[in-house]
Protein backbone atom coordinates (compact mmCIF):
# COMPACT_ATOMS: atom_id res chain seq x y z
CA UNK A 1 -15.26 37.68 -49.93
CA UNK A 2 -14.33 34.61 -51.97
CA UNK A 3 -10.67 35.18 -51.09
CA UNK A 4 -11.45 35.31 -47.37
CA UNK A 5 -13.38 32.01 -47.62
CA UNK A 6 -10.47 30.27 -49.35
CA UNK A 7 -8.01 31.56 -46.74
CA UNK A 8 -10.31 30.34 -43.95
CA UNK A 9 -10.56 26.91 -45.58
CA UNK A 10 -6.78 26.66 -45.87
CA UNK A 11 -6.34 27.53 -42.21
CA UNK A 12 -8.95 24.98 -41.12
CA UNK A 13 -7.44 22.17 -43.20
CA UNK A 14 -3.77 23.04 -42.64
CA UNK A 15 -3.16 20.07 -40.27
CA UNK A 16 -4.54 17.70 -42.90
CA UNK A 17 -2.48 19.26 -45.68
CA UNK A 18 0.69 18.67 -43.71
CA UNK A 19 -0.24 15.09 -42.77
CA UNK A 20 -1.01 15.86 -39.14
CA UNK A 21 -3.90 14.50 -37.13
CA UNK A 22 -6.28 17.43 -36.48
CA UNK A 23 -7.79 15.71 -33.43
CA UNK A 24 -6.51 16.98 -30.08
CA UNK A 25 -3.75 14.97 -28.40
CA UNK A 26 -4.91 13.15 -25.26
CA UNK A 27 -4.20 14.98 -22.06
CA UNK A 28 -1.72 13.52 -19.56
CA UNK A 29 -4.65 12.54 -17.31
CA UNK A 30 -5.96 10.22 -20.03
CA UNK A 31 -2.67 8.37 -20.37
CA UNK A 32 -1.64 5.42 -18.19
CA UNK A 33 1.21 5.86 -15.71
CA UNK A 34 4.05 3.43 -16.44
CA UNK A 35 7.26 3.05 -14.45
CA UNK A 36 10.33 1.75 -16.27
CA UNK A 37 12.70 -0.16 -13.98
CA UNK A 38 16.10 -0.50 -15.64
CA UNK A 39 18.48 -3.33 -14.81
CA UNK A 40 21.03 -3.08 -17.64
CA UNK A 41 21.54 -5.60 -20.43
CA UNK A 42 22.03 -5.22 -24.18
CA UNK A 43 19.12 -2.80 -24.47
CA UNK A 44 21.31 -0.47 -22.42
CA UNK A 45 24.51 -1.51 -24.22
CA UNK A 46 26.86 0.30 -26.59
CA UNK A 47 29.36 -0.74 -29.23
CA UNK A 48 32.47 0.77 -30.74
CA UNK A 49 30.75 1.34 -34.10
CA UNK A 50 27.24 1.28 -35.55
CA UNK A 51 27.93 -2.17 -36.98
CA UNK A 52 29.10 -3.67 -33.69
CA UNK A 53 26.52 -6.30 -32.78
CA UNK A 54 28.95 -8.76 -31.19
CA UNK A 55 31.57 -7.81 -28.62
CA UNK A 56 29.72 -4.70 -27.41
CA UNK A 57 29.56 -3.64 -23.77
CA UNK A 58 26.26 -4.27 -22.04
CA UNK A 59 24.71 -2.09 -19.31
CA UNK A 60 26.28 1.27 -20.11
CA UNK A 61 23.26 3.46 -20.91
CA UNK A 62 21.18 4.95 -18.08
CA UNK A 63 17.41 4.68 -17.95
CA UNK A 64 16.82 8.39 -18.58
CA UNK A 65 18.81 8.13 -21.81
CA UNK A 66 16.80 5.09 -22.89
CA UNK A 67 13.58 7.03 -22.35
CA UNK A 68 14.84 10.12 -24.15
CA UNK A 69 15.79 7.99 -27.15
CA UNK A 70 12.12 7.12 -27.67
CA UNK A 71 10.29 10.48 -27.55
CA UNK A 72 7.15 8.78 -28.87
CA UNK A 73 6.63 7.27 -25.42
CA UNK A 74 5.04 10.51 -24.27
CA UNK A 75 2.17 9.87 -26.69
CA UNK A 76 1.18 6.56 -25.08
CA UNK A 77 1.98 6.90 -21.37
CA UNK A 78 3.20 9.10 -18.57
CA UNK A 79 6.58 7.48 -18.13
CA UNK A 80 9.17 7.75 -15.42
CA UNK A 81 12.28 5.66 -14.94
CA UNK A 82 14.33 4.17 -12.10
CA UNK A 83 17.76 2.58 -12.33
CA UNK A 84 17.38 -0.40 -10.00
CA UNK A 85 20.82 -1.75 -10.90
CA UNK A 86 23.03 -1.86 -14.00
CA UNK A 87 24.37 -5.30 -14.94
CA UNK A 88 24.82 -7.68 -17.83
CA UNK A 89 22.13 -10.27 -17.19
CA UNK A 90 24.51 -13.23 -17.03
CA UNK A 91 25.42 -11.69 -13.65
CA UNK A 92 21.84 -11.88 -12.38
CA UNK A 93 21.53 -13.58 -9.00
CA UNK A 94 19.09 -14.19 -6.14
CA UNK A 95 19.99 -10.95 -4.35
CA UNK A 96 19.18 -8.88 -7.43
CA UNK A 97 15.92 -10.79 -7.80
CA UNK A 98 14.84 -9.96 -4.27
CA UNK A 99 15.71 -6.29 -4.71
CA UNK A 100 13.81 -6.06 -7.99
CA UNK A 101 10.76 -8.02 -6.79
CA UNK A 102 10.40 -5.93 -3.65
CA UNK A 103 10.56 -2.73 -5.69
CA UNK A 104 7.95 -4.08 -8.11
CA UNK A 105 5.64 -5.00 -5.23
CA UNK A 106 6.07 -1.55 -3.71
CA UNK A 107 5.16 0.15 -6.98
CA UNK A 108 2.13 -1.97 -7.89
CA UNK A 109 0.50 -0.96 -4.60
CA UNK A 110 0.62 2.72 -5.61
CA UNK A 111 -2.58 4.13 -7.06
CA UNK A 112 -0.69 6.31 -9.53
CA UNK A 113 1.09 3.33 -11.14
CA UNK A 114 -0.84 1.44 -13.83
CA UNK A 115 1.93 -0.79 -15.11
CA UNK A 116 5.63 -1.58 -14.92
CA UNK A 117 8.22 -2.21 -17.63
CA UNK A 118 11.53 -3.85 -16.72
CA UNK A 119 14.45 -3.49 -19.13
CA UNK A 120 16.67 -6.54 -18.84
CA UNK A 121 19.46 -8.42 -20.55
CA UNK A 122 18.23 -11.33 -22.63
CA UNK A 123 20.53 -14.04 -21.22
CA UNK A 124 18.49 -14.57 -18.04
CA UNK A 125 15.40 -12.53 -18.87
CA UNK A 126 13.15 -15.61 -18.91
CA UNK A 127 14.24 -16.60 -15.40
CA UNK A 128 13.70 -13.15 -13.90
CA UNK A 129 10.31 -12.98 -15.61
CA UNK A 130 9.20 -16.30 -14.13
CA UNK A 131 10.48 -15.36 -10.67
CA UNK A 132 8.40 -12.17 -10.79
CA UNK A 133 5.44 -14.14 -12.17
CA UNK A 134 5.50 -16.20 -8.97
CA UNK A 135 6.04 -13.42 -6.41
CA UNK A 136 4.38 -10.24 -7.76
CA UNK A 137 1.25 -9.55 -5.72
CA UNK A 138 -0.90 -7.64 -8.19
CA UNK A 139 -2.89 -8.03 -11.39
CA UNK A 140 -1.33 -4.85 -12.80
CA UNK A 141 0.75 -5.50 -15.92
CA UNK A 142 4.46 -6.20 -15.45
CA UNK A 143 6.34 -6.48 -18.74
CA UNK A 144 9.96 -7.49 -19.28
CA UNK A 145 11.73 -6.22 -22.37
CA UNK A 146 15.21 -6.41 -23.83
CA UNK A 147 17.00 -6.31 -27.15
CA UNK A 148 19.43 -8.38 -29.14
CA UNK A 149 21.35 -5.42 -30.55
CA UNK A 150 22.99 -2.63 -28.52
CA UNK A 151 21.54 0.86 -28.60
CA UNK A 152 24.34 2.10 -30.89
CA UNK A 153 23.80 -0.51 -33.62
CA UNK A 154 22.19 -0.05 -37.01
CA UNK A 155 18.59 -1.28 -36.78
CA UNK A 156 18.77 -1.41 -32.99
CA UNK A 157 15.70 -3.31 -31.81
CA UNK A 158 15.61 -1.80 -28.34
CA UNK A 159 13.66 1.43 -29.03
CA UNK A 160 10.67 -0.24 -30.70
CA UNK A 161 10.71 -3.08 -28.17
CA UNK A 162 10.61 -0.50 -25.37
CA UNK A 163 7.78 1.39 -27.04
CA UNK A 164 5.74 -1.79 -27.42
CA UNK A 165 6.43 -2.84 -23.83
CA UNK A 166 5.27 0.52 -22.44
CA UNK A 167 2.12 0.39 -24.55
CA UNK A 168 1.45 -3.16 -23.31
CA UNK A 169 2.13 -2.31 -19.65
CA UNK A 170 -0.28 0.60 -19.82
CA UNK A 171 -3.05 -1.36 -21.51
CA UNK A 172 -6.25 -2.80 -20.07
CA UNK A 173 -5.71 -5.89 -22.23
CA UNK A 174 -2.64 -6.94 -20.20
CA UNK A 175 -4.31 -6.73 -16.78
CA UNK A 176 -4.49 -10.06 -14.97
CA UNK A 177 -2.43 -12.00 -17.51
CA UNK A 178 0.65 -12.49 -15.36
CA UNK A 179 4.14 -11.23 -16.02
CA UNK A 180 4.71 -10.82 -19.75
CA UNK A 181 7.74 -10.77 -22.03
CA UNK A 182 7.51 -8.44 -25.02
CA UNK A 183 10.07 -8.38 -27.83
CA UNK A 184 9.95 -8.43 -31.62
CA UNK A 185 6.21 -7.51 -31.69
CA UNK A 186 5.33 -10.70 -29.77
CA UNK A 187 3.78 -11.21 -26.33
CA UNK A 188 4.80 -14.29 -24.37
CA UNK A 189 4.02 -15.69 -20.94
CA UNK A 190 6.84 -15.59 -18.39
CA UNK A 191 6.33 -19.27 -17.59
CA UNK A 192 6.54 -20.56 -21.15
CA UNK A 193 9.00 -18.31 -22.94
CA UNK A 194 12.66 -19.13 -23.51
CA UNK A 195 15.58 -17.72 -25.45
CA UNK A 196 16.06 -19.95 -28.51
CA UNK A 197 18.83 -18.30 -30.53
CA UNK A 198 22.17 -16.81 -29.50
CA UNK A 199 22.00 -13.73 -31.71
CA UNK A 200 18.90 -13.20 -33.85
CA UNK A 201 16.24 -10.64 -32.93
CA UNK A 202 13.36 -13.15 -32.96
CA UNK A 203 14.98 -15.30 -30.27
CA UNK A 204 12.24 -15.36 -27.60
CA UNK A 205 9.73 -18.12 -28.24
CA UNK A 206 7.30 -20.36 -26.41
CA UNK A 207 8.05 -23.35 -28.63
CA UNK A 208 5.75 -25.85 -26.99
CA UNK A 209 2.66 -23.93 -25.90
CA UNK A 210 2.86 -20.87 -28.13
CA UNK A 211 2.87 -17.12 -27.69
CA UNK A 212 0.01 -15.20 -26.11
CA UNK A 213 -0.39 -12.54 -28.76
CA UNK A 214 1.04 -9.84 -30.99
CA UNK A 215 1.50 -6.10 -31.06
CA UNK A 216 0.67 -4.68 -34.47
CA UNK A 217 1.11 -0.94 -34.65
CA UNK A 218 -1.17 0.43 -31.92
CA UNK A 219 -3.14 -2.81 -31.62
CA UNK A 220 -2.58 -5.29 -28.78
CA UNK A 221 -4.01 -8.68 -29.74
CA UNK A 222 -4.20 -11.61 -27.31
CA UNK A 223 -5.14 -15.03 -28.66
CA UNK A 224 -4.72 -17.26 -25.60
CA UNK A 225 -4.37 -16.91 -21.84
CA UNK A 226 -1.94 -18.38 -19.30
CA UNK A 227 -3.88 -20.79 -17.08
CA UNK A 228 -1.27 -21.78 -14.49
CA UNK A 229 -1.35 -19.78 -11.24
CA UNK A 230 0.58 -16.52 -11.31
CA UNK A 231 1.06 -13.13 -9.61
CA UNK A 232 -1.86 -12.30 -7.30
CA UNK A 233 -3.09 -15.92 -7.33
CA UNK A 234 0.11 -17.49 -5.96
CA UNK A 235 0.80 -18.54 -2.38
CA UNK A 236 4.28 -17.03 -2.29
CA UNK A 237 5.28 -13.93 -0.32
CA UNK A 238 8.90 -12.78 -0.37
CA UNK A 239 8.28 -9.48 1.43
CA UNK A 240 10.13 -10.69 4.51
CA UNK A 241 12.64 -12.94 2.72
CA UNK A 242 16.23 -11.70 2.91
CA UNK A 243 17.96 -14.74 1.44
CA UNK A 244 16.64 -17.25 -1.08
CA UNK A 245 17.38 -20.99 -0.88
CA UNK A 246 20.33 -22.33 -2.89
CA UNK A 247 19.27 -24.46 -5.83
CA UNK A 248 21.72 -25.74 -8.46
CA UNK A 249 21.36 -27.46 -11.85
CA UNK A 250 23.21 -30.59 -12.95
CA UNK A 251 23.26 -31.49 -16.65
CA UNK A 252 22.80 -35.07 -17.82
CA UNK A 253 24.76 -36.57 -20.73
CA UNK A 254 26.40 -39.82 -21.85
CA UNK A 255 29.16 -40.93 -19.45
CA UNK A 256 28.11 -38.38 -16.82
CA UNK A 257 29.79 -38.97 -13.46
CA UNK A 258 28.41 -38.35 -9.99
CA UNK A 259 31.15 -35.84 -9.17
CA UNK A 260 29.02 -32.69 -9.45
CA UNK A 261 26.08 -34.14 -7.54
CA UNK A 262 28.36 -35.32 -4.73
CA UNK A 263 30.04 -31.91 -4.56
CA UNK A 264 26.71 -30.09 -4.32
CA UNK A 265 25.50 -32.52 -1.68
CA UNK A 266 28.67 -31.92 0.33
CA UNK A 267 28.07 -28.18 0.02
CA UNK A 268 24.61 -28.71 1.59
CA UNK A 269 22.64 -27.02 -1.18
CA UNK A 270 18.89 -26.83 -0.62
CA UNK A 271 17.91 -28.31 -3.97
CA UNK A 272 19.25 -29.90 -7.15
CA UNK A 273 17.58 -29.77 -10.54
CA UNK A 274 18.69 -32.68 -12.69
CA UNK A 275 18.46 -31.78 -16.38
CA UNK A 276 18.17 -35.39 -17.46
CA UNK A 277 18.19 -36.99 -20.88
CA UNK A 278 14.93 -37.97 -22.55
CA UNK A 279 12.13 -37.97 -20.00
CA UNK A 280 14.37 -36.44 -17.36
CA UNK A 281 16.19 -39.71 -16.92
CA UNK A 282 19.42 -40.10 -14.93
CA UNK A 283 21.89 -42.93 -15.49
CA UNK A 284 22.01 -45.67 -12.85
CA UNK A 285 25.11 -43.99 -11.43
CA UNK A 286 23.59 -40.52 -11.20
CA UNK A 287 20.24 -41.82 -9.95
CA UNK A 288 22.07 -43.33 -6.99
CA UNK A 289 24.00 -40.10 -6.47
CA UNK A 290 20.75 -38.12 -6.49
CA UNK A 291 19.20 -40.59 -4.04
CA UNK A 292 22.20 -40.18 -1.74
CA UNK A 293 21.92 -36.39 -1.97
CA UNK A 294 18.22 -36.61 -1.12
CA UNK A 295 19.01 -38.64 2.01
CA UNK A 296 21.37 -35.86 3.07
CA UNK A 297 18.60 -33.27 2.74
CA UNK A 298 18.71 -31.86 -0.78
CA UNK A 299 15.39 -31.66 -2.64
CA UNK A 300 15.71 -33.38 -6.03
CA UNK A 301 13.72 -32.31 -9.09
CA UNK A 302 13.95 -34.19 -12.36
CA UNK A 303 13.69 -31.93 -15.39
CA UNK A 304 14.83 -32.58 -18.97
CA UNK A 305 17.39 -31.10 -21.28
CA UNK A 306 15.07 -31.81 -24.24
CA UNK A 307 13.22 -28.51 -24.05
CA UNK A 308 9.69 -29.75 -24.68
CA UNK A 309 7.27 -32.17 -23.08
CA UNK A 310 6.14 -33.28 -19.65
CA UNK A 311 8.54 -35.10 -17.35
CA UNK A 312 6.47 -38.06 -16.19
CA UNK A 313 6.40 -38.86 -12.51
CA UNK A 314 7.23 -42.52 -11.82
CA UNK A 315 8.17 -43.13 -15.44
CA UNK A 316 11.54 -44.82 -15.76
CA UNK A 317 12.42 -43.58 -12.28
CA UNK A 318 10.47 -44.57 -9.17
CA UNK A 319 10.01 -41.05 -7.84
CA UNK A 320 7.83 -42.21 -4.97
CA UNK A 321 10.54 -44.54 -3.72
CA UNK A 322 13.36 -42.05 -4.28
CA UNK A 323 11.34 -39.09 -2.94
CA UNK A 324 12.07 -37.12 -6.10
CA UNK A 325 9.90 -34.46 -7.77
CA UNK A 326 8.99 -34.31 -11.47
CA UNK A 327 9.21 -30.87 -13.07
CA UNK A 328 6.10 -31.27 -15.24
CA UNK A 329 6.78 -29.14 -18.36
CA UNK A 330 9.23 -26.67 -16.84
CA UNK A 331 12.69 -26.60 -18.40
CA UNK A 332 15.67 -26.84 -16.00
CA UNK A 333 16.16 -23.10 -15.50
CA UNK A 334 12.45 -22.51 -14.89
CA UNK A 335 12.29 -25.54 -12.56
CA UNK A 336 15.13 -23.98 -10.59
CA UNK A 337 13.16 -20.74 -10.24
CA UNK A 338 10.03 -22.50 -8.98
CA UNK A 339 11.92 -24.70 -6.52
CA UNK A 340 13.83 -21.68 -5.19
CA UNK A 341 10.57 -19.85 -4.49
CA UNK A 342 8.69 -22.94 -3.28
CA UNK A 343 11.39 -23.75 -0.71
CA UNK A 344 10.62 -20.46 1.02
CA UNK A 345 7.29 -22.10 1.93
CA UNK A 346 7.98 -25.80 2.54
CA UNK A 347 10.36 -28.74 2.19
CA UNK A 348 7.53 -31.28 2.07
CA UNK A 349 8.03 -33.13 -1.23
CA UNK A 350 4.33 -33.87 -1.69
CA UNK A 351 3.53 -30.18 -1.36
CA UNK A 352 6.40 -29.31 -3.67
CA UNK A 353 5.11 -31.75 -6.31
CA UNK A 354 1.68 -30.13 -6.05
CA UNK A 355 3.28 -26.76 -6.73
CA UNK A 356 5.03 -28.05 -9.84
CA UNK A 357 1.65 -29.22 -11.14
CA UNK A 358 -0.06 -25.90 -10.34
CA UNK A 359 2.53 -23.30 -11.42
């Protein structure tokens, strides 16, 4: 009788003896439904050897392979993948943005989709994230993720980044917080985040306003919220847009000429972002070139190459007189994104300035 009791006890405690959780695994119905939209990038890249972290080929691994490489995903979400396109993100352009945004907006309207993860190359990830932050029409989580090492590298960061992103996209904590960027256990706002290092894994930072939160194991911890308008609260609708306005960036520096500005004006671009020195300041020569371009129809936005701070309207430049726009705290590449989207609504510079203060 004693022997039977001991055998019964062993059988009952066997999961604990082998380090397994005896509690039942959650059923599929209890898990969130997350769609992974793959666009390429380093997270889908491969190198010649396991130590190849420079000179690898981006955008070679399909989305199904990425998912299969992280079998733990099945424990946190019902995941399915779509290959939207397969590019290195330095090749991202307006047409790809429209295709991706329209697919995102289709999916977030489906009742069986709780969140979306977008795998993306890191070079332009921050720009795609901000574009989606402005045009996604839902409070459902949309999370962009990438990696700094290819999938074949030792200590590849992609698998854990993908796991964290799926967990975040399927969480209640992420609802209503705008488009998020999730890498290296950190959660950042699409508006504020930027790539700060060419090669290290902890490259994505919000250096001025700070990150939103962390992922620590299974815990999602938010410490602040984005307050600028985003996603369902924006006035932008690209559902019927087939071609986005053309907006270019001109970089300011000592001895800069007006050649680039004049060439863009002659090409009849819709807008020019001037990445000025200091407080977004142009030289006397380039200020006149920008004023001439404005008279020919181009919308002019003064941003700054500095990377932090607010570009003051009517500071050293009389923006009212020149009919220029100040970018507020948006860096040049983010200012370009906002102007591109805003020009689908209006060319009124007063309205455009309002948008730069609200988004």
